[in-house]
């Protein structure tokens, strides 16, 4: 009887701890109102633009985004209000190759791949945001390429 009780308590504790770490459910409701999300290619890689129509700054913080197999922090644009930008380095820019390693010092390596916690298509991204001090995820869809 004691063994059954210990086994039951052990399974309960295991389930309890496992459920705490897997709170990565996709949110159905957007943390803000978004305009058309788009991306462009430049000499360094990809820039993803997330225009926000309205957001509750005191409750919601847009932190990062997963896109095209990489993760990048979202930064608020200094030029345009309510525009967030993520930069993904592809390593396609000019690189200095020389026998002298000191001349190669300024080269930036391409960004490492980082899998999204959810399966996404090429026109989708996973937005990582903080709301009421909890990390949450939202899927952005219909992302288009602009020139």
N, C-alpha and C. Protein backbone atom coordinates (compact mmCIF):
# COMPACT_ATOMS: atom_id res chain seq x y z
N UNK A 1 0.81 -1.19 0.00
CA UNK A 1 0.00 0.00 0.00
C UNK A 1 0.86 1.26 0.00
N UNK A 2 1.98 1.22 0.81
CA UNK A 2 2.88 2.36 0.85
C UNK A 2 3.51 2.61 -0.52
N UNK A 3 3.86 1.54 -1.23
CA UNK A 3 4.47 1.69 -2.55
C UNK A 3 3.52 2.33 -3.55
N UNK A 4 2.26 1.97 -3.48
CA UNK A 4 1.26 2.55 -4.39
C UNK A 4 1.10 4.04 -4.09
N UNK A 5 1.09 4.39 -2.81
CA UNK A 5 0.96 5.79 -2.42
C UNK A 5 2.18 6.59 -2.88
N UNK A 6 3.38 6.05 -2.72
CA UNK A 6 4.60 6.73 -3.18
C UNK A 6 4.61 6.88 -4.69
N UNK A 7 4.20 5.85 -5.39
CA UNK A 7 4.16 5.90 -6.85
C UNK A 7 3.16 6.96 -7.31
N UNK A 8 2.01 7.01 -6.70
CA UNK A 8 0.98 8.01 -7.05
C UNK A 8 1.50 9.42 -6.77
N UNK A 9 2.12 9.62 -5.62
CA UNK A 9 2.67 10.93 -5.28
C UNK A 9 3.79 11.32 -6.25
N UNK A 10 4.61 10.37 -6.64
CA UNK A 10 5.69 10.65 -7.60
C UNK A 10 5.15 11.04 -8.97
N UNK A 11 4.15 10.34 -9.43
CA UNK A 11 3.54 10.68 -10.73
C UNK A 11 2.88 12.06 -10.66
N UNK A 12 2.21 12.35 -9.56
CA UNK A 12 1.58 13.65 -9.39
C UNK A 12 2.62 14.77 -9.44
N UNK A 13 3.73 14.61 -8.74
CA UNK A 13 4.79 15.63 -8.74
C UNK A 13 5.39 15.80 -10.13
N UNK A 14 5.60 14.71 -10.83
CA UNK A 14 6.15 14.75 -12.18
C UNK A 14 5.23 15.51 -13.12
N UNK A 15 3.95 15.23 -13.07
CA UNK A 15 2.97 15.93 -13.91
C UNK A 15 2.91 17.41 -13.53
N UNK A 16 2.96 17.71 -12.27
CA UNK A 16 2.91 19.10 -11.80
C UNK A 16 4.10 19.90 -12.34
N UNK A 17 5.30 19.37 -12.23
CA UNK A 17 6.49 20.08 -12.72
C UNK A 17 6.53 20.14 -14.23
N UNK A 18 6.09 19.12 -14.91
CA UNK A 18 6.08 19.11 -16.37
C UNK A 18 5.10 20.14 -16.92
N UNK A 19 3.98 20.33 -16.27
CA UNK A 19 2.99 21.28 -16.77
C UNK A 19 3.44 22.73 -16.55
N UNK A 20 4.23 23.00 -15.55
CA UNK A 20 4.71 24.35 -15.31
C UNK A 20 5.67 24.81 -16.40
N UNK A 21 6.50 23.93 -16.90
CA UNK A 21 7.48 24.30 -17.91
C UNK A 21 6.94 24.35 -19.31
N UNK A 22 5.75 23.84 -19.56
CA UNK A 22 5.23 23.79 -20.92
C UNK A 22 4.09 24.78 -21.14
N UNK A 23 4.17 25.95 -20.57
CA UNK A 23 3.13 26.95 -20.72
C UNK A 23 3.44 27.84 -21.93
N UNK A 24 3.57 27.23 -23.10
CA UNK A 24 3.91 27.95 -24.31
C UNK A 24 2.77 27.90 -25.31
N UNK A 25 1.56 28.12 -24.85
CA UNK A 25 0.42 28.08 -25.74
C UNK A 25 0.39 29.34 -26.59
N UNK A 26 0.04 29.15 -27.87
CA UNK A 26 -0.15 30.30 -28.75
C UNK A 26 -1.39 31.07 -28.32
N UNK A 27 -1.26 32.37 -28.28
CA UNK A 27 -2.38 33.22 -27.91
C UNK A 27 -3.32 33.39 -29.10
N UNK A 28 -4.60 33.34 -28.86
CA UNK A 28 -5.60 33.55 -29.91
C UNK A 28 -5.78 35.04 -30.18
N UNK A 29 -5.70 35.85 -29.13
CA UNK A 29 -5.89 37.29 -29.26
C UNK A 29 -4.54 37.98 -29.43
N UNK A 30 -4.51 38.91 -30.36
CA UNK A 30 -3.28 39.67 -30.61
C UNK A 30 -2.98 40.59 -29.44
N UNK A 31 -1.69 40.76 -29.10
CA UNK A 31 -1.34 41.64 -27.99
C UNK A 31 -1.45 43.12 -28.36
N UNK A 32 -1.64 43.40 -29.65
CA UNK A 32 -1.76 44.76 -30.15
C UNK A 32 -2.51 44.69 -31.48
N UNK A 33 -2.86 45.85 -32.02
CA UNK A 33 -3.45 45.90 -33.35
C UNK A 33 -2.33 46.18 -34.34
N UNK A 34 -2.16 45.26 -35.28
CA UNK A 34 -1.06 45.36 -36.24
C UNK A 34 -1.56 45.80 -37.60
N UNK A 35 -0.74 46.60 -38.28
CA UNK A 35 -0.95 46.88 -39.70
C UNK A 35 -0.24 45.78 -40.47
N UNK A 36 -0.13 45.91 -41.79
CA UNK A 36 0.48 44.86 -42.61
C UNK A 36 1.95 44.65 -42.21
N UNK A 37 2.28 43.42 -41.80
CA UNK A 37 3.64 43.05 -41.45
C UNK A 37 4.36 42.66 -42.74
N UNK A 38 5.60 43.17 -42.92
CA UNK A 38 6.33 42.90 -44.15
C UNK A 38 7.82 42.79 -43.87
N UNK A 39 8.56 42.30 -44.88
CA UNK A 39 10.01 42.19 -44.76
C UNK A 39 10.67 42.62 -46.05
N UNK A 40 11.94 43.00 -45.93
CA UNK A 40 12.77 43.36 -47.08
C UNK A 40 14.12 42.68 -46.95
N UNK A 41 14.78 42.50 -48.08
CA UNK A 41 16.15 42.01 -48.09
C UNK A 41 17.07 43.21 -48.26
N UNK A 42 18.18 43.21 -47.53
CA UNK A 42 19.22 44.22 -47.73
C UNK A 42 20.56 43.51 -47.83
N UNK A 43 21.64 44.25 -47.87
CA UNK A 43 22.96 43.64 -48.07
C UNK A 43 23.39 42.76 -46.90
N UNK A 44 22.81 42.95 -45.73
CA UNK A 44 23.18 42.15 -44.56
C UNK A 44 22.26 40.98 -44.29
N UNK A 45 21.04 41.00 -44.85
CA UNK A 45 20.10 39.92 -44.59
C UNK A 45 18.67 40.36 -44.74
N UNK A 46 17.84 40.06 -43.76
CA UNK A 46 16.41 40.34 -43.80
C UNK A 46 16.06 41.32 -42.69
N UNK A 47 15.19 42.28 -43.02
CA UNK A 47 14.61 43.16 -42.00
C UNK A 47 13.11 42.91 -41.99
N UNK A 48 12.57 42.57 -40.83
CA UNK A 48 11.15 42.34 -40.65
C UNK A 48 10.55 43.56 -39.97
N UNK A 49 9.49 44.11 -40.56
CA UNK A 49 8.85 45.31 -40.04
C UNK A 49 7.48 44.94 -39.48
N UNK A 50 7.24 45.34 -38.23
CA UNK A 50 5.97 45.06 -37.56
C UNK A 50 5.34 46.41 -37.18
N UNK A 51 4.49 46.98 -38.07
CA UNK A 51 3.82 48.23 -37.74
C UNK A 51 2.65 47.99 -36.78
N UNK A 52 2.59 48.78 -35.74
CA UNK A 52 1.58 48.62 -34.70
C UNK A 52 0.61 49.80 -34.78
N UNK A 53 -0.69 49.50 -34.90
CA UNK A 53 -1.71 50.55 -34.93
C UNK A 53 -1.97 51.06 -33.51
N UNK A 54 -2.09 50.12 -32.56
CA UNK A 54 -2.26 50.53 -31.16
C UNK A 54 -1.77 49.41 -30.25
N UNK A 55 -1.21 49.81 -29.11
CA UNK A 55 -0.67 48.87 -28.14
C UNK A 55 -0.77 49.50 -26.75
N UNK A 56 -0.96 48.69 -25.75
CA UNK A 56 -0.95 49.17 -24.37
C UNK A 56 0.48 49.02 -23.85
N UNK A 57 1.26 50.07 -24.02
CA UNK A 57 2.69 50.03 -23.65
C UNK A 57 2.92 49.65 -22.20
N UNK A 58 2.04 50.04 -21.31
CA UNK A 58 2.24 49.75 -19.90
C UNK A 58 1.99 48.29 -19.56
N UNK A 59 1.27 47.55 -20.40
CA UNK A 59 0.96 46.14 -20.12
C UNK A 59 1.69 45.17 -21.04
N UNK A 60 2.01 45.60 -22.27
CA UNK A 60 2.55 44.70 -23.28
C UNK A 60 3.90 45.19 -23.77
N UNK A 61 4.84 44.26 -23.88
CA UNK A 61 6.17 44.56 -24.42
C UNK A 61 6.47 43.56 -25.53
N UNK A 62 6.71 44.06 -26.74
CA UNK A 62 7.08 43.19 -27.86
C UNK A 62 8.57 42.91 -27.77
N UNK A 63 8.95 41.65 -27.59
CA UNK A 63 10.33 41.30 -27.27
C UNK A 63 11.15 40.78 -28.44
N UNK A 64 10.63 39.76 -29.13
CA UNK A 64 11.42 39.10 -30.17
C UNK A 64 10.48 38.47 -31.19
N UNK A 65 11.08 37.94 -32.26
CA UNK A 65 10.29 37.29 -33.30
C UNK A 65 11.09 36.17 -33.93
N UNK A 66 10.41 35.05 -34.22
CA UNK A 66 10.99 33.94 -34.97
C UNK A 66 10.51 34.08 -36.41
N UNK A 67 11.46 34.03 -37.37
CA UNK A 67 11.10 34.20 -38.77
C UNK A 67 12.17 33.54 -39.63
N UNK A 68 11.77 32.76 -40.59
CA UNK A 68 12.68 32.08 -41.53
C UNK A 68 13.78 31.29 -40.82
N UNK A 69 13.40 30.61 -39.74
CA UNK A 69 14.34 29.74 -39.04
C UNK A 69 15.32 30.43 -38.14
N UNK A 70 15.08 31.70 -37.82
CA UNK A 70 15.97 32.45 -36.94
C UNK A 70 15.15 33.23 -35.91
N UNK A 71 15.81 33.67 -34.86
CA UNK A 71 15.17 34.50 -33.83
C UNK A 71 15.95 35.80 -33.72
N UNK A 72 15.20 36.90 -33.60
CA UNK A 72 15.85 38.20 -33.47
C UNK A 72 15.03 39.08 -32.52
N UNK A 73 15.70 39.93 -31.76
CA UNK A 73 14.95 40.85 -30.89
C UNK A 73 14.23 41.91 -31.73
N UNK A 74 13.08 42.35 -31.26
CA UNK A 74 12.34 43.44 -31.89
C UNK A 74 12.75 44.75 -31.23
N UNK A 75 13.06 45.73 -32.06
CA UNK A 75 13.45 47.04 -31.53
C UNK A 75 12.52 48.09 -32.11
N UNK A 76 12.15 49.04 -31.28
CA UNK A 76 11.29 50.12 -31.73
C UNK A 76 12.10 51.05 -32.63
N UNK A 77 11.53 51.40 -33.77
CA UNK A 77 12.20 52.28 -34.73
C UNK A 77 12.35 53.68 -34.16
N UNK A 78 13.50 54.28 -34.43
CA UNK A 78 13.73 55.66 -33.98
C UNK A 78 13.13 56.66 -34.95
N UNK A 79 12.99 56.25 -36.23
CA UNK A 79 12.47 57.16 -37.25
C UNK A 79 10.95 57.21 -37.28
N UNK A 80 10.28 56.08 -37.09
CA UNK A 80 8.84 56.02 -37.21
C UNK A 80 8.21 55.53 -35.90
N UNK A 81 7.21 56.25 -35.46
CA UNK A 81 6.50 55.86 -34.24
C UNK A 81 5.69 54.60 -34.51
N UNK A 82 5.60 53.74 -33.53
CA UNK A 82 4.81 52.50 -33.59
C UNK A 82 5.27 51.53 -34.67
N UNK A 83 6.55 51.53 -34.97
CA UNK A 83 7.11 50.55 -35.89
C UNK A 83 8.21 49.78 -35.16
N UNK A 84 8.10 48.46 -35.19
CA UNK A 84 9.11 47.59 -34.58
C UNK A 84 9.85 46.88 -35.70
N UNK A 85 11.18 46.72 -35.54
CA UNK A 85 12.01 46.14 -36.59
C UNK A 85 12.88 45.04 -35.99
N UNK A 86 12.97 43.92 -36.73
CA UNK A 86 13.87 42.82 -36.37
C UNK A 86 14.85 42.62 -37.51
N UNK A 87 16.13 42.49 -37.19
CA UNK A 87 17.17 42.28 -38.20
C UNK A 87 17.70 40.85 -38.11
N UNK A 88 17.75 40.19 -39.26
CA UNK A 88 18.27 38.83 -39.34
C UNK A 88 19.48 38.85 -40.26
N UNK A 89 20.68 38.60 -39.72
CA UNK A 89 21.91 38.60 -40.50
C UNK A 89 22.04 37.30 -41.28
N UNK A 90 22.16 37.42 -42.58
CA UNK A 90 22.30 36.25 -43.43
C UNK A 90 23.76 36.01 -43.84
N UNK A 91 24.63 36.96 -43.56
CA UNK A 91 26.03 36.80 -43.93
C UNK A 91 26.29 37.03 -45.40
N UNK A 92 25.40 37.79 -46.06
CA UNK A 92 25.56 38.03 -47.49
C UNK A 92 26.28 39.34 -47.78
N UNK A 93 26.60 40.11 -46.77
CA UNK A 93 27.25 41.40 -46.98
C UNK A 93 28.72 41.24 -47.37
N UNK A 94 29.39 42.37 -47.60
CA UNK A 94 30.80 42.36 -47.96
C UNK A 94 31.63 41.85 -46.79
N UNK A 95 32.49 40.87 -47.09
CA UNK A 95 33.38 40.34 -46.06
C UNK A 95 34.81 40.50 -46.54
N UNK A 96 35.68 40.87 -45.64
CA UNK A 96 37.09 41.01 -45.95
C UNK A 96 37.77 39.67 -45.68
N UNK A 97 38.39 39.13 -46.70
CA UNK A 97 39.14 37.88 -46.57
C UNK A 97 40.62 38.21 -46.82
N UNK A 98 41.46 37.92 -45.83
CA UNK A 98 42.86 38.27 -45.94
C UNK A 98 43.69 37.27 -45.15
N UNK A 99 44.95 37.14 -45.53
CA UNK A 99 45.85 36.26 -44.80
C UNK A 99 46.12 36.81 -43.40
N UNK A 100 45.99 38.12 -43.25
CA UNK A 100 46.19 38.77 -41.96
C UNK A 100 44.84 38.80 -41.20
N UNK A 101 44.70 38.04 -40.11
CA UNK A 101 43.42 37.98 -39.38
C UNK A 101 42.95 39.34 -38.84
N UNK A 102 43.88 40.24 -38.58
CA UNK A 102 43.49 41.55 -38.06
C UNK A 102 42.65 42.34 -39.07
N UNK A 103 42.86 42.10 -40.36
CA UNK A 103 42.10 42.81 -41.40
C UNK A 103 40.69 42.25 -41.52
N UNK A 104 40.45 41.05 -41.00
CA UNK A 104 39.13 40.44 -41.05
C UNK A 104 38.31 40.73 -39.78
N UNK A 105 38.84 41.56 -38.92
CA UNK A 105 38.23 41.80 -37.61
C UNK A 105 36.78 42.28 -37.69
N UNK A 106 36.43 43.14 -38.61
CA UNK A 106 35.09 43.72 -38.69
C UNK A 106 34.04 42.82 -39.31
N UNK A 107 34.40 41.64 -39.80
CA UNK A 107 33.43 40.74 -40.41
C UNK A 107 32.43 40.25 -39.38
N UNK A 108 31.16 40.24 -39.77
CA UNK A 108 30.11 39.73 -38.89
C UNK A 108 29.66 38.38 -39.42
N UNK A 109 29.61 37.37 -38.56
CA UNK A 109 29.16 36.05 -39.01
C UNK A 109 27.65 36.05 -39.24
N UNK A 110 27.17 35.12 -40.06
CA UNK A 110 25.71 35.01 -40.22
C UNK A 110 25.05 34.58 -38.91
N UNK A 111 23.80 34.92 -38.79
CA UNK A 111 23.04 34.59 -37.58
C UNK A 111 22.79 33.08 -37.55
N UNK A 112 22.90 32.50 -36.37
CA UNK A 112 22.66 31.07 -36.21
C UNK A 112 21.18 30.75 -36.33
N UNK A 113 20.89 29.58 -36.83
CA UNK A 113 19.51 29.11 -36.94
C UNK A 113 18.98 28.85 -35.52
N UNK A 114 17.71 29.19 -35.32
CA UNK A 114 17.06 28.92 -34.04
C UNK A 114 15.61 28.57 -34.35
N UNK A 115 15.25 27.35 -34.05
CA UNK A 115 13.92 26.85 -34.39
C UNK A 115 12.84 27.54 -33.57
N UNK A 116 11.75 27.81 -34.22
CA UNK A 116 10.58 28.39 -33.58
C UNK A 116 9.92 27.33 -32.67
N UNK A 117 9.32 27.75 -31.57
CA UNK A 117 8.65 26.78 -30.71
C UNK A 117 7.39 26.20 -31.36
N UNK A 118 6.96 26.77 -32.49
CA UNK A 118 5.78 26.30 -33.22
C UNK A 118 6.11 26.21 -34.70
N UNK A 119 5.43 25.32 -35.40
CA UNK A 119 5.62 25.17 -36.84
C UNK A 119 4.99 26.38 -37.54
N UNK A 120 5.77 27.00 -38.44
CA UNK A 120 5.28 28.16 -39.18
C UNK A 120 5.65 28.04 -40.65
N UNK A 121 4.88 28.70 -41.50
CA UNK A 121 5.15 28.75 -42.94
C UNK A 121 6.06 29.92 -43.24
N UNK A 122 6.44 30.08 -44.52
CA UNK A 122 7.34 31.16 -44.92
C UNK A 122 6.71 32.55 -44.75
N UNK A 123 5.39 32.63 -44.80
CA UNK A 123 4.73 33.92 -44.65
C UNK A 123 4.19 34.13 -43.23
N UNK A 124 4.76 33.43 -42.26
CA UNK A 124 4.34 33.54 -40.87
C UNK A 124 5.54 33.76 -39.96
N UNK A 125 5.27 34.32 -38.80
CA UNK A 125 6.30 34.53 -37.78
C UNK A 125 5.67 34.32 -36.42
N UNK A 126 6.49 33.98 -35.44
CA UNK A 126 6.03 33.85 -34.06
C UNK A 126 6.55 35.06 -33.29
N UNK A 127 5.62 35.83 -32.76
CA UNK A 127 5.94 37.01 -31.97
C UNK A 127 6.05 36.60 -30.51
N UNK A 128 7.16 36.96 -29.87
CA UNK A 128 7.36 36.71 -28.44
C UNK A 128 7.12 38.04 -27.73
N UNK A 129 6.18 38.04 -26.80
CA UNK A 129 5.88 39.26 -26.09
C UNK A 129 5.66 38.98 -24.61
N UNK A 130 5.76 40.03 -23.82
CA UNK A 130 5.52 39.93 -22.39
C UNK A 130 4.26 40.72 -22.07
N UNK A 131 3.34 40.06 -21.38
CA UNK A 131 2.11 40.72 -20.95
C UNK A 131 1.90 40.38 -19.49
N UNK A 132 1.77 41.41 -18.67
CA UNK A 132 1.60 41.24 -17.23
C UNK A 132 2.69 40.33 -16.66
N UNK A 133 3.92 40.56 -17.08
CA UNK A 133 5.13 39.86 -16.62
C UNK A 133 5.15 38.37 -16.97
N UNK A 134 4.38 37.94 -17.98
CA UNK A 134 4.39 36.56 -18.46
C UNK A 134 4.77 36.55 -19.93
N UNK A 135 5.66 35.64 -20.32
CA UNK A 135 6.05 35.50 -21.71
C UNK A 135 4.98 34.73 -22.46
N UNK A 136 4.56 35.29 -23.60
CA UNK A 136 3.51 34.67 -24.41
C UNK A 136 3.92 34.69 -25.88
N UNK A 137 3.19 33.91 -26.70
CA UNK A 137 3.51 33.78 -28.12
C UNK A 137 2.25 34.03 -28.95
N UNK A 138 2.46 34.68 -30.11
CA UNK A 138 1.36 34.96 -31.03
C UNK A 138 1.86 34.76 -32.45
N UNK A 139 1.04 34.14 -33.29
CA UNK A 139 1.44 33.89 -34.68
C UNK A 139 1.00 35.04 -35.57
N UNK A 140 1.98 35.67 -36.23
CA UNK A 140 1.71 36.70 -37.23
C UNK A 140 1.58 36.00 -38.58
N UNK A 141 0.54 36.28 -39.34
CA UNK A 141 0.32 35.60 -40.62
C UNK A 141 0.23 36.63 -41.74
N UNK A 142 0.33 36.14 -42.97
CA UNK A 142 0.19 36.99 -44.15
C UNK A 142 1.33 37.99 -44.33
N UNK A 143 2.53 37.62 -43.94
CA UNK A 143 3.68 38.51 -44.05
C UNK A 143 4.12 38.54 -45.52
N UNK A 144 4.30 39.74 -46.06
CA UNK A 144 4.65 39.89 -47.47
C UNK A 144 6.04 40.49 -47.63
N UNK A 145 6.66 40.22 -48.78
CA UNK A 145 7.96 40.80 -49.10
C UNK A 145 7.75 42.09 -49.88
N UNK A 146 8.46 43.14 -49.48
CA UNK A 146 8.43 44.42 -50.20
C UNK A 146 9.84 44.74 -50.64
N UNK A 147 9.91 45.56 -51.67
CA UNK A 147 11.25 45.94 -52.18
C UNK A 147 11.65 47.30 -51.73
